[in-house]
Amino acid sequence: MNSKPISSPCDEFQDPLKNYDPKVYCDPLMKALAEEKVTSVQYRPVAAISPQTTIREAVQALSKLKVACLLIEEAGRLVGVFSDRDVLDKVALEYDTLRERPVSEVMTRDPVCVFDSDSSAAALSVMAVCGFRHVPVIDVKHQVVGIVSPQRVTEFLRKQLVK
């Protein structure tokens, strides 16, 4: 009896990327949007408060920090955002009655966000498709690492165009 091993296609590793040709972009901006991570867009510093912060303190923080959006964190996790839009839509007309209430009552809960490993285009997509001007950036543990704003995106795009 001849005991010759039976060969199988699984015996030899077949590299699926062996014949892979990287994507070629005609436009450096398109390449940057597709291949650069959202962290290539300035995403720090970020201003965060707790859900128990009063609406008065949150509005003061927006003004003092000269920002349009505060992230609401609880135990390091993103639970909401409070923006100038929330002030106009939910607070302005009733400020005197709401000002000592917690910001958690008027914040935008469970905001759409992007991961720090997502492409820069992902943040722009959230802005365009969902209509948000500010997009929180989180890590794989869902901890806040930053925020992308229109000004930061504009600066990122400007840098890509002058390269």
C-alpha atoms as a PDB file:
ATOM      1  CA  MET A   1       0.000   0.000   0.000  1.00  0.00           C
ATOM      2  CA  ASN A   2       1.239   3.385  -0.968  1.00  0.00           C
ATOM      3  CA  SER A   3       0.405   6.021   1.646  1.00  0.00           C
ATOM      4  CA  LYS A   4       0.736   9.249  -0.244  1.00  0.00           C
ATOM      5  CA  PRO A   5      -0.724  12.295   1.557  1.00  0.00           C
ATOM      6  CA  ILE A   6      -3.788  13.743  -0.040  1.00  0.00           C
ATOM      7  CA  SER A   7      -3.235  17.367  -0.940  1.00  0.00           C
ATOM      8  CA  SER A   8      -5.916  19.886  -0.318  1.00  0.00           C
ATOM      9  CA  PRO A   9      -6.281  23.519  -1.386  1.00  0.00           C
ATOM     10  CA  CYS A  10      -6.214  24.360   2.321  1.00  0.00           C
ATOM     11  CA  ASP A  11      -2.657  23.048   2.692  1.00  0.00           C
ATOM     12  CA  GLU A  12      -1.161  26.154   1.179  1.00  0.00           C
ATOM     13  CA  PHE A  13      -1.974  29.693   2.233  1.00  0.00           C
ATOM     14  CA  GLN A  14      -3.503  31.740  -0.550  1.00  0.00           C
ATOM     15  CA  ASP A  15      -2.977  35.441   0.021  1.00  0.00           C
ATOM     16  CA  PRO A  16      -6.228  37.177  -0.985  1.00  0.00           C
ATOM     17  CA  LEU A  17      -4.369  40.462  -1.433  1.00  0.00           C
ATOM     18  CA  LYS A  18      -1.697  38.998  -3.694  1.00  0.00           C
ATOM     19  CA  ASN A  19      -3.241  40.508  -6.801  1.00  0.00           C
ATOM     20  CA  TYR A  20      -4.672  43.573  -5.102  1.00  0.00           C
ATOM     21  CA  ASP A  21      -4.136  46.893  -6.791  1.00  0.00           C
ATOM     22  CA  PRO A  22      -4.636  49.832  -4.469  1.00  0.00           C
ATOM     23  CA  LYS A  23      -7.325  52.313  -5.424  1.00  0.00           C
ATOM     24  CA  VAL A  24      -6.034  55.136  -7.578  1.00  0.00           C
ATOM     25  CA  TYR A  25      -7.580  58.543  -6.995  1.00  0.00           C
ATOM     26  CA  CYS A  26      -7.637  61.327  -9.580  1.00  0.00           C
ATOM     27  CA  ASP A  27      -8.195  63.922  -6.897  1.00  0.00           C
ATOM     28  CA  PRO A  28      -6.051  64.289  -3.735  1.00  0.00           C
ATOM     29  CA  LEU A  29      -9.083  65.540  -1.824  1.00  0.00           C
ATOM     30  CA  MET A  30     -11.019  62.364  -2.634  1.00  0.00           C
ATOM     31  CA  LYS A  31      -8.039  60.288  -1.528  1.00  0.00           C
ATOM     32  CA  ALA A  32      -7.794  62.184   1.766  1.00  0.00           C
ATOM     33  CA  LEU A  33     -11.502  61.787   2.465  1.00  0.00           C
ATOM     34  CA  ALA A  34     -11.406  58.066   1.742  1.00  0.00           C
ATOM     35  CA  GLU A  35      -8.116  57.112   3.348  1.00  0.00           C
ATOM     36  CA  GLU A  36      -7.390  59.565   6.153  1.00  0.00           C
ATOM     37  CA  LYS A  37      -8.971  58.824   9.500  1.00  0.00           C
ATOM     38  CA  VAL A  38     -11.393  61.214  11.148  1.00  0.00           C
ATOM     39  CA  THR A  39      -8.590  61.971  13.589  1.00  0.00           C
ATOM     40  CA  SER A  40      -6.829  63.769  10.697  1.00  0.00           C
ATOM     41  CA  VAL A  41      -9.494  66.423  11.112  1.00  0.00           C
ATOM     42  CA  GLN A  42      -8.801  68.480  14.218  1.00  0.00           C
ATOM     43  CA  TYR A  43     -11.096  66.853  16.739  1.00  0.00           C
ATOM     44  CA  ARG A  44      -9.685  68.217  19.987  1.00  0.00           C
ATOM     45  CA  PRO A  45     -10.129  70.076  22.262  1.00  0.00           C
ATOM     46  CA  VAL A  46     -13.595  69.072  23.293  1.00  0.00           C
ATOM     47  CA  ALA A  47     -15.870  70.601  25.918  1.00  0.00           C
ATOM     48  CA  ALA A  48     -17.871  68.166  28.026  1.00  0.00           C
ATOM     49  CA  ILE A  49     -20.261  68.462  30.946  1.00  0.00           C
ATOM     50  CA  SER A  50     -22.304  66.046  33.033  1.00  0.00           C
ATOM     51  CA  PRO A  51     -26.042  65.435  32.564  1.00  0.00           C
ATOM     52  CA  GLN A  52     -26.683  67.008  35.989  1.00  0.00           C
ATOM     53  CA  THR A  53     -25.214  70.372  34.950  1.00  0.00           C
ATOM     54  CA  THR A  54     -27.918  73.005  34.998  1.00  0.00           C
ATOM     55  CA  ILE A  55     -29.140  74.520  31.768  1.00  0.00           C
ATOM     56  CA  ARG A  56     -27.930  77.910  33.030  1.00  0.00           C
ATOM     57  CA  GLU A  57     -24.405  76.545  33.569  1.00  0.00           C
ATOM     58  CA  ALA A  58     -24.457  74.837  30.163  1.00  0.00           C
ATOM     59  CA  VAL A  59     -25.513  78.026  28.374  1.00  0.00           C
ATOM     60  CA  GLN A  60     -22.814  79.944  30.262  1.00  0.00           C
ATOM     61  CA  ALA A  61     -20.236  77.315  29.242  1.00  0.00           C
ATOM     62  CA  LEU A  62     -21.225  77.651  25.571  1.00  0.00           C
ATOM     63  CA  SER A  63     -20.748  81.399  25.824  1.00  0.00           C
ATOM     64  CA  LYS A  64     -17.564  81.397  27.921  1.00  0.00           C
ATOM     65  CA  LEU A  65     -15.820  78.728  25.819  1.00  0.00           C
ATOM     66  CA  LYS A  66     -17.068  80.264  22.573  1.00  0.00           C
ATOM     67  CA  VAL A  67     -18.259  76.876  21.309  1.00  0.00           C
ATOM     68  CA  ALA A  68     -21.536  75.847  19.739  1.00  0.00           C
ATOM     69  CA  CYS A  69     -21.749  72.360  21.208  1.00  0.00           C
ATOM     70  CA  LEU A  70     -21.035  70.624  24.503  1.00  0.00           C
ATOM     71  CA  LEU A  71     -20.762  66.869  24.828  1.00  0.00           C
ATOM     72  CA  ILE A  72     -22.670  65.322  27.701  1.00  0.00           C
ATOM     73  CA  GLU A  73     -20.670  62.568  29.393  1.00  0.00           C
ATOM     74  CA  GLU A  74     -21.555  60.189  32.160  1.00  0.00           C
ATOM     75  CA  ALA A  75     -18.803  57.900  33.501  1.00  0.00           C
ATOM     76  CA  GLY A  76     -16.702  58.752  30.437  1.00  0.00           C
ATOM     77  CA  ARG A  77     -19.412  57.681  27.999  1.00  0.00           C
ATOM     78  CA  LEU A  78     -21.244  59.935  25.588  1.00  0.00           C
ATOM     79  CA  VAL A  79     -24.934  60.215  26.514  1.00  0.00           C
ATOM     80  CA  GLY A  80     -25.898  63.361  24.620  1.00  0.00           C
ATOM     81  CA  VAL A  81     -25.005  66.725  23.159  1.00  0.00           C
ATOM     82  CA  PHE A  82     -26.186  70.205  24.019  1.00  0.00           C
ATOM     83  CA  SER A  83     -25.794  72.728  21.258  1.00  0.00           C
ATOM     84  CA  ASP A  84     -26.750  76.268  20.414  1.00  0.00           C
ATOM     85  CA  ARG A  85     -29.550  74.696  18.360  1.00  0.00           C
ATOM     86  CA  ASP A  86     -30.936  73.068  21.548  1.00  0.00           C
ATOM     87  CA  VAL A  87     -30.823  76.466  23.234  1.00  0.00           C
ATOM     88  CA  LEU A  88     -32.824  78.069  20.420  1.00  0.00           C
ATOM     89  CA  ASP A  89     -35.294  75.222  19.900  1.00  0.00           C
ATOM     90  CA  LYS A  90     -35.894  74.025  23.467  1.00  0.00           C
ATOM     91  CA  VAL A  91     -34.736  76.624  25.957  1.00  0.00           C
ATOM     92  CA  ALA A  92     -34.825  80.221  24.734  1.00  0.00           C
ATOM     93  CA  LEU A  93     -38.541  80.922  25.112  1.00  0.00           C
ATOM     94  CA  GLU A  94     -38.717  79.256  28.547  1.00  0.00           C
ATOM     95  CA  TYR A  95     -35.263  80.046  29.885  1.00  0.00           C
ATOM     96  CA  ASP A  96     -36.497  81.586  33.155  1.00  0.00           C
ATOM     97  CA  THR A  97     -38.425  78.424  34.070  1.00  0.00           C
ATOM     98  CA  LEU A  98     -35.860  75.923  32.759  1.00  0.00           C
ATOM     99  CA  ARG A  99     -32.529  77.457  33.733  1.00  0.00           C
ATOM    100  CA  GLU A 100     -32.073  75.496  36.989  1.00  0.00           C
ATOM    101  CA  ARG A 101     -33.228  72.183  35.474  1.00  0.00           C
ATOM    102  CA  PRO A 102     -30.586  69.614  34.469  1.00  0.00           C
ATOM    103  CA  VAL A 103     -29.302  69.830  30.893  1.00  0.00           C
ATOM    104  CA  SER A 104     -30.276  66.163  30.477  1.00  0.00           C
ATOM    105  CA  GLU A 105     -33.894  67.316  30.095  1.00  0.00           C
ATOM    106  CA  VAL A 106     -33.184  69.267  26.910  1.00  0.00           C
ATOM    107  CA  MET A 107     -30.036  67.692  25.461  1.00  0.00           C
ATOM    108  CA  THR A 108     -30.076  65.652  22.273  1.00  0.00           C
ATOM    109  CA  ARG A 109     -29.844  62.053  23.485  1.00  0.00           C
ATOM    110  CA  ASP A 110     -27.852  59.266  21.838  1.00  0.00           C
ATOM    111  CA  PRO A 111     -26.257  61.467  19.180  1.00  0.00           C
ATOM    112  CA  VAL A 112     -24.977  60.032  15.936  1.00  0.00           C
ATOM    113  CA  CYS A 113     -21.212  59.772  16.231  1.00  0.00           C
ATOM    114  CA  VAL A 114     -18.195  58.359  14.424  1.00  0.00           C
ATOM    115  CA  PHE A 115     -15.366  56.176  15.652  1.00  0.00           C
ATOM    116  CA  ASP A 116     -11.824  57.501  15.718  1.00  0.00           C
ATOM    117  CA  SER A 117     -10.927  54.734  13.240  1.00  0.00           C
ATOM    118  CA  ASP A 118     -13.542  55.842  10.668  1.00  0.00           C
ATOM    119  CA  SER A 119     -12.543  57.749   7.549  1.00  0.00           C
ATOM    120  CA  SER A 120     -12.777  61.518   7.517  1.00  0.00           C
ATOM    121  CA  ALA A 121     -15.536  61.110   4.922  1.00  0.00           C
ATOM    122  CA  ALA A 122     -17.658  59.344   7.566  1.00  0.00           C
ATOM    123  CA  ALA A 123     -17.864  62.516   9.647  1.00  0.00           C
ATOM    124  CA  LEU A 124     -18.772  64.585   6.594  1.00  0.00           C
ATOM    125  CA  SER A 125     -21.442  62.024   5.688  1.00  0.00           C
ATOM    126  CA  VAL A 126     -23.029  62.298   9.128  1.00  0.00           C
ATOM    127  CA  MET A 127     -23.030  66.078   8.799  1.00  0.00           C
ATOM    128  CA  ALA A 128     -24.538  66.029   5.319  1.00  0.00           C
ATOM    129  CA  VAL A 129     -27.000  63.156   5.610  1.00  0.00           C
ATOM    130  CA  CYS A 130     -28.165  63.653   9.195  1.00  0.00           C
ATOM    131  CA  GLY A 131     -27.936  67.438   9.187  1.00  0.00           C
ATOM    132  CA  PHE A 132     -25.708  67.712  12.264  1.00  0.00           C
ATOM    133  CA  ARG A 133     -23.102  70.435  12.457  1.00  0.00           C
ATOM    134  CA  HIS A 134     -21.163  68.759  15.254  1.00  0.00           C
ATOM    135  CA  VAL A 135     -20.244  65.082  15.252  1.00  0.00           C
ATOM    136  CA  PRO A 136     -18.798  63.441  18.364  1.00  0.00           C
ATOM    137  CA  VAL A 137     -15.803  61.149  17.899  1.00  0.00           C
ATOM    138  CA  ILE A 138     -15.584  58.068  20.156  1.00  0.00           C
ATOM    139  CA  ASP A 139     -13.175  55.172  20.546  1.00  0.00           C
ATOM    140  CA  VAL A 140     -13.971  51.440  20.494  1.00  0.00           C
ATOM    141  CA  LYS A 141     -14.823  51.597  24.213  1.00  0.00           C
ATOM    142  CA  HIS A 142     -17.400  54.306  23.406  1.00  0.00           C
ATOM    143  CA  GLN A 143     -15.371  56.893  25.304  1.00  0.00           C
ATOM    144  CA  VAL A 144     -15.385  60.429  23.974  1.00  0.00           C
ATOM    145  CA  VAL A 145     -12.154  61.407  22.238  1.00  0.00           C
ATOM    146  CA  GLY A 146     -13.272  64.522  20.387  1.00  0.00           C
ATOM    147  CA  ILE A 147     -15.730  66.341  18.189  1.00  0.00           C
ATOM    148  CA  VAL A 148     -15.724  67.399  14.544  1.00  0.00           C
ATOM    149  CA  SER A 149     -17.193  70.799  13.726  1.00  0.00           C
ATOM    150  CA  PRO A 150     -17.791  72.736  10.494  1.00  0.00           C
ATOM    151  CA  GLN A 151     -14.784  74.987  11.172  1.00  0.00           C
ATOM    152  CA  ARG A 152     -12.514  71.992  11.739  1.00  0.00           C
ATOM    153  CA  VAL A 153     -13.745  70.261   8.590  1.00  0.00           C
ATOM    154  CA  THR A 154     -13.239  73.447   6.583  1.00  0.00           C
ATOM    155  CA  GLU A 155      -9.650  73.693   7.805  1.00  0.00           C
ATOM    156  CA  PHE A 156      -9.022  70.009   6.954  1.00  0.00           C
ATOM    157  CA  LEU A 157     -10.418  70.489   3.432  1.00  0.00           C
ATOM    158  CA  ARG A 158      -8.417  73.689   2.941  1.00  0.00           C
ATOM    159  CA  LYS A 159      -5.195  71.897   3.875  1.00  0.00           C
ATOM    160  CA  GLN A 160      -5.958  69.112   1.393  1.00  0.00           C
ATOM    161  CA  LEU A 161      -6.562  71.567  -1.410  1.00  0.00           C
ATOM    162  CA  VAL A 162      -3.280  73.433  -0.927  1.00  0.00           C
ATOM    163  CA  LYS A 163      -1.085  70.310  -0.831  1.00  0.00           C
END
